[in-house]
Protein backbone atom coordinates (compact mmCIF):
# COMPACT_ATOMS: atom_id res chain seq x y z
CA GLN A 1 122.75 43.37 126.16
CA VAL A 2 125.07 41.94 128.79
CA GLN A 3 128.80 41.36 128.50
CA LEU A 4 130.81 38.98 130.67
CA VAL A 5 134.57 39.23 131.09
CA GLU A 6 136.45 36.40 132.73
CA SER A 7 139.93 36.40 134.18
CA GLY A 8 142.22 34.29 136.30
CA GLY A 9 142.87 31.14 134.32
CA GLY A 10 146.33 29.72 133.80
CA LEU A 11 148.73 26.88 134.40
CA VAL A 12 149.18 25.44 137.86
CA GLN A 13 150.71 22.32 139.34
CA ALA A 14 148.55 19.65 140.91
CA GLY A 15 147.67 20.65 144.47
CA GLY A 16 147.83 24.32 143.63
CA SER A 17 145.17 27.01 143.62
CA LEU A 18 143.61 29.42 141.16
CA ARG A 19 140.89 32.05 141.42
CA LEU A 20 138.62 32.79 138.50
CA SER A 21 136.65 36.01 138.29
CA CYS A 22 133.82 37.14 136.04
CA ALA A 23 132.39 40.63 135.76
CA ALA A 24 129.11 41.50 134.10
CA SER A 25 128.32 44.82 132.49
CA GLY A 26 125.60 46.29 130.33
CA SER A 27 121.84 46.50 130.81
CA ILE A 28 121.45 44.60 134.06
CA PHE A 29 118.35 45.14 136.15
CA SER A 30 118.24 41.96 138.16
CA ILE A 31 120.32 38.96 139.18
CA TYR A 32 118.86 35.48 139.34
CA ALA A 33 121.91 33.24 139.37
CA TRP A 34 125.54 32.78 138.41
CA GLY A 35 127.30 29.63 137.38
CA TRP A 36 130.71 28.31 136.46
CA TYR A 37 130.85 25.56 133.85
CA ARG A 38 133.78 23.75 132.33
CA GLN A 39 134.47 21.80 129.19
CA ALA A 40 137.39 19.46 128.77
CA PRO A 41 138.52 18.29 125.31
CA GLY A 42 136.17 15.68 123.94
CA LYS A 43 133.70 16.10 126.78
CA GLN A 44 130.42 17.92 127.25
CA ARG A 45 130.21 21.16 129.14
CA GLU A 46 129.36 20.52 132.77
CA LEU A 47 128.18 22.63 135.66
CA VAL A 48 130.89 23.11 138.28
CA ALA A 49 129.22 25.48 140.72
CA SER A 50 126.28 27.82 140.92
CA ILE A 51 125.05 30.55 143.23
CA ARG A 52 121.69 32.24 143.35
CA SER A 53 121.06 35.83 144.32
CA SER A 54 119.95 34.54 147.72
CA GLY A 55 123.39 33.06 148.24
CA THR A 56 122.35 29.43 147.86
CA THR A 57 125.17 27.44 146.31
CA ALA A 58 125.50 24.11 144.57
CA TYR A 59 128.58 22.16 143.49
CA ALA A 60 129.41 19.22 141.29
CA ASP A 61 130.41 16.24 143.39
CA SER A 62 133.86 16.26 141.81
CA VAL A 63 134.70 19.69 143.23
CA LYS A 64 132.88 19.70 146.57
CA GLY A 65 135.21 20.72 149.37
CA ARG A 66 137.79 22.09 146.94
CA PHE A 67 136.01 24.87 145.03
CA THR A 68 134.11 27.83 146.43
CA ILE A 69 131.82 30.11 144.46
CA SER A 70 131.07 33.62 145.69
CA ARG A 71 129.43 36.71 144.27
CA ASP A 72 129.20 40.43 144.82
CA ASN A 73 125.76 41.66 143.81
CA GLY A 74 126.86 45.29 144.07
CA LYS A 75 129.81 44.89 141.71
CA ILE A 76 127.98 42.25 139.65
CA THR A 77 130.85 39.81 139.83
CA VAL A 78 131.30 36.15 140.60
CA ASP A 79 134.45 34.32 141.65
CA LEU A 80 135.46 30.68 141.75
CA GLN A 81 138.20 29.84 144.23
CA MET A 82 139.78 26.53 143.28
CA GLU A 83 141.95 24.66 145.75
CA SER A 84 143.75 21.33 145.65
CA LEU A 85 143.57 21.30 141.88
CA LYS A 86 143.87 18.01 140.05
CA PRO A 87 144.88 17.26 136.46
CA GLU A 88 141.28 16.24 135.78
CA ASP A 89 140.22 19.82 136.55
CA THR A 90 141.92 20.88 133.31
CA ALA A 91 139.32 22.47 131.06
CA VAL A 92 138.04 25.71 129.65
CA TYR A 93 135.96 27.36 132.34
CA TYR A 94 132.95 29.45 131.39
CA CYS A 95 131.08 32.01 133.44
CA ASN A 96 127.30 31.93 133.14
CA PHE A 97 125.01 34.76 134.22
CA GLN A 98 121.22 34.71 134.47
CA PRO A 99 119.56 38.07 135.07
CA ASP A 100 116.33 36.11 135.35
CA ILE A 101 115.25 32.53 134.85
CA SER A 102 114.55 33.02 131.14
CA LEU A 103 117.84 34.68 130.14
CA THR A 104 121.39 33.39 130.14
CA TYR A 105 124.71 34.85 129.05
CA TRP A 106 128.10 33.21 128.65
CA GLY A 107 131.63 34.43 129.06
CA GLN A 108 134.30 33.76 126.48
CA GLY A 109 135.95 31.05 128.54
CA THR A 110 139.28 30.88 130.31
CA GLN A 111 141.73 27.99 130.16
CA VAL A 112 142.73 26.21 133.34
CA THR A 113 145.52 23.68 133.00
CA VAL A 114 146.68 21.55 135.92
CA SER A 115 149.93 19.72 135.43
CA SER A 116 150.75 16.48 137.26
């Protein structure tokens, strides 16, 4: 079993920055990919950013140029650096971890609130 612990959410003014972190622990023998998703009230969960073990990244158009995903394969952690935050970035952010393509684990979610 794999456990994910997220940290770093909070309240920030528009234009500000936040850094989210997620650490995985448990029976981990491989790393396929990490992802950060978010879900705003009344909306579906959406992919914000992803990074594969190779380092290849992908971003939602809405966050390109503002958010940066990074990972540490040795520590089994993933971060999401969020800059120039906007009120529409307000959501619960979830860490997603895939040890391989057939398995996926979710963090408990961390609230990010951006005030205007």
